[in-house]
Amino acid sequence: MLFTYLYIWILFKYTIMEIQELSTEQLNNTSSILKAIAHPIRISILNYLEDGKRLTVTEIHQRLNIEQSTTSHHLGILKDKGVLSSKREGKNTYYFLKHKSLSHVVECVSKCSV
């Protein structure tokens, strides 16, 4: 399953010809991002942040209907692995996808699974 995720991510980030030129470091970074995404709560978070949406921890935890501390934990993992970025505005911190192409990962994976 991990190889499926890796393949999908590589297709989004690189053209087919560039795949042969990927360094070990690039493959390791890609694998790390995919491992971070590979959790039901984190996939849901990506869904909510598609199309350039920016949401606070409170907005995300309310939509997921889970504890705010759990939401913060998963947001921290996604941010640490380079999937999300955040910006503080006043009292609120807004989270958003670091790379626009990540918004297509969930869509692509859902088409691959039956």
PDB file of N, CA and C in Angstrom:
ATOM      1  N   MET A   1       0.816  -1.189   0.000  1.00  0.00           N
ATOM      2  CA  MET A   1       0.000   0.000   0.000  1.00  0.00           C
ATOM      3  C   MET A   1       0.865   1.260   0.000  1.00  0.00           C
ATOM      4  N   LEU A   2       1.969   1.228   0.788  1.00  0.00           N
ATOM      5  CA  LEU A   2       2.853   2.379   0.845  1.00  0.00           C
ATOM      6  C   LEU A   2       3.441   2.686  -0.527  1.00  0.00           C
ATOM      7  N   PHE A   3       3.759   1.645  -1.282  1.00  0.00           N
ATOM      8  CA  PHE A   3       4.315   1.870  -2.613  1.00  0.00           C
ATOM      9  C   PHE A   3       3.296   2.534  -3.535  1.00  0.00           C
ATOM     10  N   THR A   4       2.018   2.235  -3.345  1.00  0.00           N
ATOM     11  CA  THR A   4       0.968   2.895  -4.130  1.00  0.00           C
ATOM     12  C   THR A   4       0.952   4.375  -3.824  1.00  0.00           C
ATOM     13  N   TYR A   5       1.010   4.733  -2.523  1.00  0.00           N
ATOM     14  CA  TYR A   5       1.042   6.139  -2.136  1.00  0.00           C
ATOM     15  C   TYR A   5       2.274   6.837  -2.694  1.00  0.00           C
ATOM     16  N   LEU A   6       3.415   6.158  -2.594  1.00  0.00           N
ATOM     17  CA  LEU A   6       4.659   6.726  -3.095  1.00  0.00           C
ATOM     18  C   LEU A   6       4.569   6.985  -4.592  1.00  0.00           C
ATOM     19  N   TYR A   7       4.047   6.044  -5.323  1.00  0.00           N
ATOM     20  CA  TYR A   7       3.914   6.195  -6.766  1.00  0.00           C
ATOM     21  C   TYR A   7       3.004   7.371  -7.111  1.00  0.00           C
ATOM     22  N   ILE A   8       1.889   7.489  -6.407  1.00  0.00           N
ATOM     23  CA  ILE A   8       0.945   8.577  -6.665  1.00  0.00           C
ATOM     24  C   ILE A   8       1.603   9.920  -6.394  1.00  0.00           C
ATOM     25  N   TRP A   9       2.291  10.015  -5.271  1.00  0.00           N
ATOM     26  CA  TRP A   9       2.952  11.282  -4.929  1.00  0.00           C
ATOM     27  C   TRP A   9       3.996  11.656  -5.986  1.00  0.00           C
ATOM     28  N   ILE A  10       4.770  10.697  -6.400  1.00  0.00           N
ATOM     29  CA  ILE A  10       5.808  10.964  -7.402  1.00  0.00           C
ATOM     30  C   ILE A  10       5.182  11.451  -8.704  1.00  0.00           C
ATOM     31  N   LEU A  11       4.065  10.866  -9.113  1.00  0.00           N
ATOM     32  CA  LEU A  11       3.395  11.308 -10.334  1.00  0.00           C
ATOM     33  C   LEU A  11       2.958  12.762 -10.247  1.00  0.00           C
ATOM     34  N   PHE A  12       2.498  13.181  -9.080  1.00  0.00           N
ATOM     35  CA  PHE A  12       2.069  14.566  -8.926  1.00  0.00           C
ATOM     36  C   PHE A  12       3.251  15.522  -8.923  1.00  0.00           C
ATOM     37  N   LYS A  13       4.343  15.113  -8.338  1.00  0.00           N
ATOM     38  CA  LYS A  13       5.456  16.030  -8.141  1.00  0.00           C
ATOM     39  C   LYS A  13       6.435  16.062  -9.313  1.00  0.00           C
ATOM     40  N   TYR A  14       6.512  15.022 -10.062  1.00  0.00           N
ATOM     41  CA  TYR A  14       7.506  14.921 -11.117  1.00  0.00           C
ATOM     42  C   TYR A  14       6.878  14.347 -12.389  1.00  0.00           C
ATOM     43  N   THR A  15       7.458  14.656 -13.503  1.00  0.00           N
ATOM     44  CA  THR A  15       7.017  14.008 -14.734  1.00  0.00           C
ATOM     45  C   THR A  15       7.616  12.612 -14.776  1.00  0.00           C
ATOM     46  N   ILE A  16       7.100  11.773 -15.656  1.00  0.00           N
ATOM     47  CA  ILE A  16       7.586  10.395 -15.753  1.00  0.00           C
ATOM     48  C   ILE A  16       9.083  10.360 -16.045  1.00  0.00           C
ATOM     49  N   MET A  17       9.561  11.235 -16.870  1.00  0.00           N
ATOM     50  CA  MET A  17      10.982  11.232 -17.216  1.00  0.00           C
ATOM     51  C   MET A  17      11.841  11.629 -16.024  1.00  0.00           C
ATOM     52  N   GLU A  18      11.339  12.507 -15.176  1.00  0.00           N
ATOM     53  CA  GLU A  18      12.119  12.954 -14.030  1.00  0.00           C
ATOM     54  C   GLU A  18      12.200  11.901 -12.937  1.00  0.00           C
ATOM     55  N   ILE A  19      11.283  10.947 -12.915  1.00  0.00           N
ATOM     56  CA  ILE A  19      11.266   9.922 -11.880  1.00  0.00           C
ATOM     57  C   ILE A  19      12.587   9.165 -11.843  1.00  0.00           C
ATOM     58  N   GLN A  20      13.131   8.892 -12.995  1.00  0.00           N
ATOM     59  CA  GLN A  20      14.384   8.148 -13.055  1.00  0.00           C
ATOM     60  C   GLN A  20      15.538   8.952 -12.459  1.00  0.00           C
ATOM     61  N   GLU A  21      15.377  10.266 -12.340  1.00  0.00           N
ATOM     62  CA  GLU A  21      16.448  11.114 -11.844  1.00  0.00           C
ATOM     63  C   GLU A  21      16.300  11.482 -10.367  1.00  0.00           C
ATOM     64  N   LEU A  22      15.333  10.885  -9.670  1.00  0.00           N
ATOM     65  CA  LEU A  22      15.125  11.202  -8.268  1.00  0.00           C
ATOM     66  C   LEU A  22      16.269  10.686  -7.414  1.00  0.00           C
ATOM     67  N   SER A  23      16.703  11.517  -6.509  1.00  0.00           N
ATOM     68  CA  SER A  23      17.767  11.102  -5.600  1.00  0.00           C
ATOM     69  C   SER A  23      17.166  10.301  -4.452  1.00  0.00           C
ATOM     70  N   THR A  24      18.026   9.636  -3.738  1.00  0.00           N
ATOM     71  CA  THR A  24      17.590   8.892  -2.558  1.00  0.00           C
ATOM     72  C   THR A  24      16.965   9.837  -1.547  1.00  0.00           C
ATOM     73  N   GLU A  25      17.517  11.018  -1.406  1.00  0.00           N
ATOM     74  CA  GLU A  25      16.971  12.010  -0.468  1.00  0.00           C
ATOM     75  C   GLU A  25      15.549  12.423  -0.863  1.00  0.00           C
ATOM     76  N   GLN A  26      15.329  12.641  -2.158  1.00  0.00           N
ATOM     77  CA  GLN A  26      13.986  13.010  -2.617  1.00  0.00           C
ATOM     78  C   GLN A  26      12.989  11.881  -2.358  1.00  0.00           C
ATOM     79  N   LEU A  27      13.398  10.656  -2.610  1.00  0.00           N
ATOM     80  CA  LEU A  27      12.523   9.517  -2.355  1.00  0.00           C
ATOM     81  C   LEU A  27      12.226   9.364  -0.865  1.00  0.00           C
ATOM     82  N   ASN A  28      13.234   9.585  -0.029  1.00  0.00           N
ATOM     83  CA  ASN A  28      13.028   9.511   1.420  1.00  0.00           C
ATOM     84  C   ASN A  28      12.085  10.604   1.903  1.00  0.00           C
ATOM     85  N   ASN A  29      12.234  11.819   1.380  1.00  0.00           N
ATOM     86  CA  ASN A  29      11.334  12.920   1.748  1.00  0.00           C
ATOM     87  C   ASN A  29       9.906  12.612   1.331  1.00  0.00           C
ATOM     88  N   THR A  30       9.749  12.094   0.131  1.00  0.00           N
ATOM     89  CA  THR A  30       8.423  11.740  -0.364  1.00  0.00           C
ATOM     90  C   THR A  30       7.802  10.659   0.500  1.00  0.00           C
ATOM     91  N   SER A  31       8.574   9.654   0.845  1.00  0.00           N
ATOM     92  CA  SER A  31       8.091   8.573   1.697  1.00  0.00           C
ATOM     93  C   SER A  31       7.669   9.109   3.062  1.00  0.00           C
ATOM     94  N   SER A  32       8.428  10.021   3.613  1.00  0.00           N
ATOM     95  CA  SER A  32       8.111  10.614   4.904  1.00  0.00           C
ATOM     96  C   SER A  32       6.781  11.375   4.866  1.00  0.00           C
ATOM     97  N   ILE A  33       6.558  12.126   3.803  1.00  0.00           N
ATOM     98  CA  ILE A  33       5.302  12.859   3.640  1.00  0.00           C
ATOM     99  C   ILE A  33       4.131  11.889   3.535  1.00  0.00           C
ATOM    100  N   LEU A  34       4.307  10.843   2.752  1.00  0.00           N
ATOM    101  CA  LEU A  34       3.218   9.876   2.585  1.00  0.00           C
ATOM    102  C   LEU A  34       2.898   9.135   3.880  1.00  0.00           C
ATOM    103  N   LYS A  35       3.919   8.831   4.657  1.00  0.00           N
ATOM    104  CA  LYS A  35       3.684   8.184   5.949  1.00  0.00           C
ATOM    105  C   LYS A  35       2.891   9.117   6.866  1.00  0.00           C
ATOM    106  N   ALA A  36       3.205  10.403   6.820  1.00  0.00           N
ATOM    107  CA  ALA A  36       2.482  11.373   7.653  1.00  0.00           C
ATOM    108  C   ALA A  36       1.024  11.470   7.249  1.00  0.00           C
ATOM    109  N   ILE A  37       0.748  11.379   5.970  1.00  0.00           N
ATOM    110  CA  ILE A  37      -0.619  11.494   5.464  1.00  0.00           C
ATOM    111  C   ILE A  37      -1.431  10.238   5.745  1.00  0.00           C
ATOM    112  N   ALA A  38      -0.767   9.099   5.832  1.00  0.00           N
ATOM    113  CA  ALA A  38      -1.443   7.793   5.903  1.00  0.00           C
ATOM    114  C   ALA A  38      -2.106   7.534   7.256  1.00  0.00           C
ATOM    115  N   HIS A  39      -3.109   8.319   7.582  1.00  0.00           N
ATOM    116  CA  HIS A  39      -3.903   8.142   8.791  1.00  0.00           C
ATOM    117  C   HIS A  39      -5.281   8.729   8.513  1.00  0.00           C
ATOM    118  N   PRO A  40      -6.351   8.056   8.928  1.00  0.00           N
ATOM    119  CA  PRO A  40      -7.695   8.545   8.592  1.00  0.00           C
ATOM    120  C   PRO A  40      -7.971   9.993   9.005  1.00  0.00           C
ATOM    121  N   ILE A  41      -7.535  10.379  10.201  1.00  0.00           N
ATOM    122  CA  ILE A  41      -7.764  11.756  10.648  1.00  0.00           C
ATOM    123  C   ILE A  41      -6.982  12.734   9.780  1.00  0.00           C
ATOM    124  N   ARG A  42      -5.754  12.391   9.450  1.00  0.00           N
ATOM    125  CA  ARG A  42      -4.926  13.301   8.649  1.00  0.00           C
ATOM    126  C   ARG A  42      -5.434  13.410   7.223  1.00  0.00           C
ATOM    127  N   ILE A  43      -5.958  12.315   6.686  1.00  0.00           N
ATOM    128  CA  ILE A  43      -6.565  12.378   5.355  1.00  0.00           C
ATOM    129  C   ILE A  43      -7.780  13.299   5.394  1.00  0.00           C
ATOM    130  N   SER A  44      -8.569  13.212   6.458  1.00  0.00           N
ATOM    131  CA  SER A  44      -9.724  14.093   6.606  1.00  0.00           C
ATOM    132  C   SER A  44      -9.290  15.557   6.686  1.00  0.00           C
ATOM    133  N   ILE A  45      -8.218  15.815   7.411  1.00  0.00           N
ATOM    134  CA  ILE A  45      -7.705  17.185   7.507  1.00  0.00           C
ATOM    135  C   ILE A  45      -7.330  17.697   6.125  1.00  0.00           C
ATOM    136  N   LEU A  46      -6.639  16.871   5.338  1.00  0.00           N
ATOM    137  CA  LEU A  46      -6.279  17.286   3.971  1.00  0.00           C
ATOM    138  C   LEU A  46      -7.521  17.600   3.155  1.00  0.00           C
ATOM    139  N   ASN A  47      -8.558  16.798   3.316  1.00  0.00           N
ATOM    140  CA  ASN A  47      -9.812  17.050   2.606  1.00  0.00           C
ATOM    141  C   ASN A  47     -10.369  18.421   2.942  1.00  0.00           C
ATOM    142  N   TYR A  48     -10.349  18.780   4.214  1.00  0.00           N
ATOM    143  CA  TYR A  48     -10.880  20.075   4.634  1.00  0.00           C
ATOM    144  C   TYR A  48     -10.036  21.245   4.140  1.00  0.00           C
ATOM    145  N   LEU A  49      -8.767  21.004   3.871  1.00  0.00           N
ATOM    146  CA  LEU A  49      -7.870  22.087   3.472  1.00  0.00           C
ATOM    147  C   LEU A  49      -7.624  22.149   1.965  1.00  0.00           C
ATOM    148  N   GLU A  50      -8.383  21.369   1.201  1.00  0.00           N
ATOM    149  CA  GLU A  50      -8.241  21.402  -0.256  1.00  0.00           C
ATOM    150  C   GLU A  50      -8.642  22.762  -0.806  1.00  0.00           C
ATOM    151  N   ASP A  51      -8.225  23.025  -2.020  1.00  0.00           N
ATOM    152  CA  ASP A  51      -8.598  24.229  -2.759  1.00  0.00           C
ATOM    153  C   ASP A  51      -8.193  25.516  -2.046  1.00  0.00           C
ATOM    154  N   GLY A  52      -7.061  25.491  -1.370  1.00  0.00           N
ATOM    155  CA  GLY A  52      -6.529  26.704  -0.757  1.00  0.00           C
ATOM    156  C   GLY A  52      -7.220  27.142   0.521  1.00  0.00           C
ATOM    157  N   LYS A  53      -8.052  26.289   1.107  1.00  0.00           N
ATOM    158  CA  LYS A  53      -8.747  26.655   2.339  1.00  0.00           C
ATOM    159  C   LYS A  53      -7.757  26.768   3.488  1.00  0.00           C
ATOM    160  N   ARG A  54      -8.062  27.681   4.395  1.00  0.00           N
ATOM    161  CA  ARG A  54      -7.264  27.899   5.603  1.00  0.00           C
ATOM    162  C   ARG A  54      -8.208  27.799   6.790  1.00  0.00           C
ATOM    163  N   LEU A  55      -7.883  26.914   7.727  1.00  0.00           N
ATOM    164  CA  LEU A  55      -8.745  26.701   8.887  1.00  0.00           C
ATOM    165  C   LEU A  55      -7.925  26.719  10.170  1.00  0.00           C
ATOM    166  N   THR A  56      -8.582  27.115  11.270  1.00  0.00           N
ATOM    167  CA  THR A  56      -7.949  27.083  12.583  1.00  0.00           C
ATOM    168  C   THR A  56      -8.101  25.688  13.184  1.00  0.00           C
ATOM    169  N   VAL A  57      -7.368  25.451  14.274  1.00  0.00           N
ATOM    170  CA  VAL A  57      -7.485  24.176  14.984  1.00  0.00           C
ATOM    171  C   VAL A  57      -8.937  23.978  15.432  1.00  0.00           C
ATOM    172  N   THR A  58      -9.551  25.026  15.942  1.00  0.00           N
ATOM    173  CA  THR A  58     -10.939  24.933  16.414  1.00  0.00           C
ATOM    174  C   THR A  58     -11.878  24.544  15.283  1.00  0.00           C
ATOM    175  N   GLU A  59     -11.733  25.179  14.138  1.00  0.00           N
ATOM    176  CA  GLU A  59     -12.594  24.861  12.998  1.00  0.00           C
ATOM    177  C   GLU A  59     -12.411  23.409  12.552  1.00  0.00           C
ATOM    178  N   ILE A  60     -11.166  22.954  12.553  1.00  0.00           N
ATOM    179  CA  ILE A  60     -10.884  21.576  12.124  1.00  0.00           C
ATOM    180  C   ILE A  60     -11.427  20.577  13.138  1.00  0.00           C
ATOM    181  N   HIS A  61     -11.178  20.806  14.428  1.00  0.00           N
ATOM    182  CA  HIS A  61     -11.635  19.830  15.423  1.00  0.00           C
ATOM    183  C   HIS A  61     -13.160  19.780  15.477  1.00  0.00           C
ATOM    184  N   GLN A  62     -13.828  20.884  15.241  1.00  0.00           N
ATOM    185  CA  GLN A  62     -15.291  20.863  15.212  1.00  0.00           C
ATOM    186  C   GLN A  62     -15.810  20.073  14.010  1.00  0.00           C
ATOM    187  N   ARG A  63     -15.169  20.218  12.882  1.00  0.00           N
ATOM    188  CA  ARG A  63     -15.595  19.470  11.687  1.00  0.00           C
ATOM    189  C   ARG A  63     -15.328  17.976  11.835  1.00  0.00           C
ATOM    190  N   LEU A  64     -14.216  17.636  12.487  1.00  0.00           N
ATOM    191  CA  LEU A  64     -13.867  16.224  12.678  1.00  0.00           C
ATOM    192  C   LEU A  64     -14.621  15.595  13.849  1.00  0.00           C
ATOM    193  N   ASN A  65     -15.157  16.455  14.720  1.00  0.00           N
ATOM    194  CA  ASN A  65     -15.863  15.993  15.918  1.00  0.00           C
ATOM    195  C   ASN A  65     -14.955  15.148  16.815  1.00  0.00           C
ATOM    196  N   ILE A  66     -13.725  15.654  17.018  1.00  0.00           N
ATOM    197  CA  ILE A  66     -12.765  15.007  17.916  1.00  0.00           C
ATOM    198  C   ILE A  66     -12.206  16.067  18.864  1.00  0.00           C
ATOM    199  N   GLU A  67     -11.488  15.634  19.871  1.00  0.00           N
ATOM    200  CA  GLU A  67     -10.896  16.550  20.839  1.00  0.00           C
ATOM    201  C   GLU A  67      -9.919  17.511  20.158  1.00  0.00           C
ATOM    202  N   GLN A  68      -9.848  18.718  20.695  1.00  0.00           N
ATOM    203  CA  GLN A  68      -8.936  19.707  20.134  1.00  0.00           C
ATOM    204  C   GLN A  68      -7.481  19.267  20.299  1.00  0.00           C
ATOM    205  N   SER A  69      -7.156  18.614  21.400  1.00  0.00           N
ATOM    206  CA  SER A  69      -5.781  18.150  21.608  1.00  0.00           C
ATOM    207  C   SER A  69      -5.382  17.098  20.572  1.00  0.00           C
ATOM    208  N   THR A  70      -6.324  16.233  20.215  1.00  0.00           N
ATOM    209  CA  THR A  70      -6.059  15.222  19.184  1.00  0.00           C
ATOM    210  C   THR A  70      -5.839  15.899  17.838  1.00  0.00           C
ATOM    211  N   THR A  71      -6.665  16.888  17.544  1.00  0.00           N
ATOM    212  CA  THR A  71      -6.518  17.635  16.292  1.00  0.00           C
ATOM    213  C   THR A  71      -5.154  18.308  16.240  1.00  0.00           C
ATOM    214  N   SER A  72      -4.771  18.965  17.328  1.00  0.00           N
ATOM    215  CA  SER A  72      -3.473  19.650  17.385  1.00  0.00           C
ATOM    216  C   SER A  72      -2.326  18.670  17.182  1.00  0.00           C
ATOM    217  N   HIS A  73      -2.454  17.486  17.754  1.00  0.00           N
ATOM    218  CA  HIS A  73      -1.420  16.449  17.592  1.00  0.00           C
ATOM    219  C   HIS A  73      -1.238  16.089  16.116  1.00  0.00           C
ATOM    220  N   HIS A  74      -2.342  15.840  15.429  1.00  0.00           N
ATOM    221  CA  HIS A  74      -2.257  15.449  14.022  1.00  0.00           C
ATOM    222  C   HIS A  74      -1.798  16.612  13.135  1.00  0.00           C
ATOM    223  N   LEU A  75      -2.231  17.819  13.454  1.00  0.00           N
ATOM    224  CA  LEU A  75      -1.752  18.989  12.703  1.00  0.00           C
ATOM    225  C   LEU A  75      -0.248  19.156  12.885  1.00  0.00           C
ATOM    226  N   GLY A  76       0.246  18.910  14.100  1.00  0.00           N
ATOM    227  CA  GLY A  76       1.679  18.999  14.366  1.00  0.00           C
ATOM    228  C   GLY A  76       2.477  18.015  13.535  1.00  0.00           C
ATOM    229  N   ILE A  77       1.989  16.804  13.424  1.00  0.00           N
ATOM    230  CA  ILE A  77       2.668  15.785  12.609  1.00  0.00           C
ATOM    231  C   ILE A  77       2.713  16.230  11.150  1.00  0.00           C
ATOM    232  N   LEU A  78       1.575  16.670  10.629  1.00  0.00           N
ATOM    233  CA  LEU A  78       1.516  17.101   9.224  1.00  0.00           C
ATOM    234  C   LEU A  78       2.412  18.306   8.973  1.00  0.00           C
ATOM    235  N   LYS A  79       2.482  19.194   9.930  1.00  0.00           N
ATOM    236  CA  LYS A  79       3.342  20.374   9.770  1.00  0.00           C
ATOM    237  C   LYS A  79       4.821  19.985   9.854  1.00  0.00           C
ATOM    238  N   ASP A  80       5.164  19.135  10.816  1.00  0.00           N
ATOM    239  CA  ASP A  80       6.557  18.697  10.972  1.00  0.00           C
ATOM    240  C   ASP A  80       7.080  17.973   9.742  1.00  0.00           C
ATOM    241  N   LYS A  81       6.211  17.252   9.062  1.00  0.00           N
ATOM    242  CA  LYS A  81       6.621  16.479   7.883  1.00  0.00           C
ATOM    243  C   LYS A  81       6.517  17.279   6.587  1.00  0.00           C
ATOM    244  N   GLY A  82       6.147  18.557   6.677  1.00  0.00           N
ATOM    245  CA  GLY A  82       6.136  19.403   5.491  1.00  0.00           C
ATOM    246  C   GLY A  82       4.874  19.329   4.662  1.00  0.00           C
ATOM    247  N   VAL A  83       3.804  18.771   5.231  1.00  0.00           N
ATOM    248  CA  VAL A  83       2.547  18.676   4.502  1.00  0.00           C
ATOM    249  C   VAL A  83       1.750  19.967   4.648  1.00  0.00           C
ATOM    250  N   LEU A  84       1.766  20.533   5.856  1.00  0.00           N
ATOM    251  CA  LEU A  84       1.022  21.755   6.138  1.00  0.00           C
ATOM    252  C   LEU A  84       1.952  22.898   6.514  1.00  0.00           C
ATOM    253  N   SER A  85       1.445  24.090   6.335  1.00  0.00           N
ATOM    254  CA  SER A  85       2.072  25.302   6.857  1.00  0.00           C
ATOM    255  C   SER A  85       1.040  25.994   7.718  1.00  0.00           C
ATOM    256  N   SER A  86       1.496  26.959   8.508  1.00  0.00           N
ATOM    257  CA  SER A  86       0.558  27.704   9.341  1.00  0.00           C
ATOM    258  C   SER A  86       0.964  29.170   9.362  1.00  0.00           C
ATOM    259  N   LYS A  87      -0.029  29.995   9.669  1.00  0.00           N
ATOM    260  CA  LYS A  87       0.211  31.431   9.780  1.00  0.00           C
ATOM    261  C   LYS A  87      -0.626  31.958  10.937  1.00  0.00           C
ATOM    262  N   ARG A  88       0.032  32.656  11.818  1.00  0.00           N
ATOM    263  CA  ARG A  88      -0.660  33.228  12.971  1.00  0.00           C
ATOM    264  C   ARG A  88      -1.238  34.587  12.590  1.00  0.00           C
ATOM    265  N   GLU A  89      -2.510  34.762  12.911  1.00  0.00           N
ATOM    266  CA  GLU A  89      -3.187  36.040  12.685  1.00  0.00           C
ATOM    267  C   GLU A  89      -3.970  36.363  13.947  1.00  0.00           C
ATOM    268  N   GLY A  90      -3.447  37.302  14.732  1.00  0.00           N
ATOM    269  CA  GLY A  90      -4.085  37.623  16.007  1.00  0.00           C
ATOM    270  C   GLY A  90      -4.006  36.440  16.944  1.00  0.00           C
ATOM    271  N   LYS A  91      -5.151  36.044  17.494  1.00  0.00           N
ATOM    272  CA  LYS A  91      -5.200  34.911  18.428  1.00  0.00           C
ATOM    273  C   LYS A  91      -5.216  33.574  17.711  1.00  0.00           C
ATOM    274  N   ASN A  92      -5.507  33.575  16.434  1.00  0.00           N
ATOM    275  CA  ASN A  92      -5.694  32.329  15.694  1.00  0.00           C
ATOM    276  C   ASN A  92      -4.484  31.955  14.851  1.00  0.00           C
ATOM    277  N   THR A  93      -4.273  30.653  14.732  1.00  0.00           N
ATOM    278  CA  THR A  93      -3.286  30.106  13.809  1.00  0.00           C
ATOM    279  C   THR A  93      -4.051  29.362  12.736  1.00  0.00           C
ATOM    280  N   TYR A  94      -3.824  29.735  11.496  1.00  0.00           N
ATOM    281  CA  TYR A  94      -4.504  29.111  10.366  1.00  0.00           C
ATOM    282  C   TYR A  94      -3.577  28.094   9.721  1.00  0.00           C
ATOM    283  N   TYR A  95      -4.126  26.924   9.429  1.00  0.00           N
ATOM    284  CA  TYR A  95      -3.384  25.860   8.765  1.00  0.00           C
ATOM    285  C   TYR A  95      -3.836  25.748   7.318  1.00  0.00           C
ATOM    286  N   PHE A  96      -2.882  25.418   6.453  1.00  0.00           N
ATOM    287  CA  PHE A  96      -3.175  25.279   5.034  1.00  0.00           C
ATOM    288  C   PHE A  96      -2.150  24.333   4.415  1.00  0.00           C
ATOM    289  N   LEU A  97      -2.491  23.796   3.239  1.00  0.00           N
ATOM    290  CA  LEU A  97      -1.580  22.883   2.543  1.00  0.00           C
ATOM    291  C   LEU A  97      -0.334  23.637   2.105  1.00  0.00           C
ATOM    292  N   LYS A  98       0.802  23.045   2.355  1.00  0.00           N
ATOM    293  CA  LYS A  98       2.068  23.685   1.988  1.00  0.00           C
ATOM    294  C   LYS A  98       2.268  23.697   0.474  1.00  0.00           C
ATOM    295  N   HIS A  99       1.796  22.641  -0.190  1.00  0.00           N
ATOM    296  CA  HIS A  99       1.922  22.519  -1.640  1.00  0.00           C
ATOM    297  C   HIS A  99       0.542  22.270  -2.236  1.00  0.00           C
ATOM    298  N   LYS A 100       0.164  23.036  -3.211  1.00  0.00           N
ATOM    299  CA  LYS A 100      -1.161  22.899  -3.830  1.00  0.00           C
ATOM    300  C   LYS A 100      -1.396  21.504  -4.392  1.00  0.00           C
ATOM    301  N   SER A 101      -0.355  20.861  -4.871  1.00  0.00           N
ATOM    302  CA  SER A 101      -0.519  19.537  -5.469  1.00  0.00           C
ATOM    303  C   SER A 101      -0.964  18.492  -4.457  1.00  0.00           C
ATOM    304  N   LEU A 102      -0.774  18.748  -3.167  1.00  0.00           N
ATOM    305  CA  LEU A 102      -1.224  17.799  -2.145  1.00  0.00           C
ATOM    306  C   LEU A 102      -2.733  17.655  -2.123  1.00  0.00           C
ATOM    307  N   SER A 103      -3.439  18.655  -2.603  1.00  0.00           N
ATOM    308  CA  SER A 103      -4.899  18.571  -2.586  1.00  0.00           C
ATOM    309  C   SER A 103      -5.407  17.478  -3.517  1.00  0.00           C
ATOM    310  N   HIS A 104      -4.583  17.034  -4.438  1.00  0.00           N
ATOM    311  CA  HIS A 104      -4.993  15.996  -5.378  1.00  0.00           C
ATOM    312  C   HIS A 104      -4.683  14.580  -4.876  1.00  0.00           C
ATOM    313  N   VAL A 105      -3.891  14.469  -3.826  1.00  0.00           N
ATOM    314  CA  VAL A 105      -3.494  13.159  -3.336  1.00  0.00           C
ATOM    315  C   VAL A 105      -4.705  12.364  -2.864  1.00  0.00           C
ATOM    316  N   VAL A 106      -5.548  12.987  -2.056  1.00  0.00           N
ATOM    317  CA  VAL A 106      -6.713  12.278  -1.515  1.00  0.00           C
ATOM    318  C   VAL A 106      -7.646  11.861  -2.652  1.00  0.00           C
ATOM    319  N   GLU A 107      -7.861  12.755  -3.575  1.00  0.00           N
ATOM    320  CA  GLU A 107      -8.723  12.446  -4.723  1.00  0.00           C
ATOM    321  C   GLU A 107      -8.174  11.269  -5.517  1.00  0.00           C
ATOM    322  N   CYS A 108      -6.871  11.288  -5.769  1.00  0.00           N
ATOM    323  CA  CYS A 108      -6.245  10.231  -6.551  1.00  0.00           C
ATOM    324  C   CYS A 108      -6.301   8.892  -5.816  1.00  0.00           C
ATOM    325  N   VAL A 109      -5.983   8.896  -4.536  1.00  0.00           N
ATOM    326  CA  VAL A 109      -5.983   7.656  -3.765  1.00  0.00           C
ATOM    327  C   VAL A 109      -7.392   7.081  -3.675  1.00  0.00           C
ATOM    328  N   SER A 110      -8.386   7.956  -3.512  1.00  0.00           N
ATOM    329  CA  SER A 110      -9.762   7.452  -3.419  1.00  0.00           C
ATOM    330  C   SER A 110     -10.208   6.822  -4.728  1.00  0.00           C
ATOM    331  N   LYS A 111      -9.686   7.291  -5.848  1.00  0.00           N
ATOM    332  CA  LYS A 111     -10.010   6.682  -7.137  1.00  0.00           C
ATOM    333  C   LYS A 111      -9.331   5.323  -7.293  1.00  0.00           C
ATOM    334  N   CYS A 112      -8.202   5.143  -6.613  1.00  0.00           N
ATOM    335  CA  CYS A 112      -7.456   3.892  -6.717  1.00  0.00           C
ATOM    336  C   CYS A 112      -8.010   2.810  -5.807  1.00  0.00           C
ATOM    337  N   SER A 113      -8.709   3.197  -4.748  1.00  0.00           N
ATOM    338  CA  SER A 113      -9.218   2.199  -3.807  1.00  0.00           C
ATOM    339  C   SER A 113     -10.682   1.902  -4.116  1.00  0.00           C
ATOM    340  N   VAL A 114     -11.015   0.650  -3.974  1.00  0.00           N
ATOM    341  CA  VAL A 114     -12.374   0.211  -4.263  1.00  0.00           C
ATOM    342  C   VAL A 114     -13.006  -0.368  -3.031  1.00  0.00           C
TER     343      VAL A 114
END
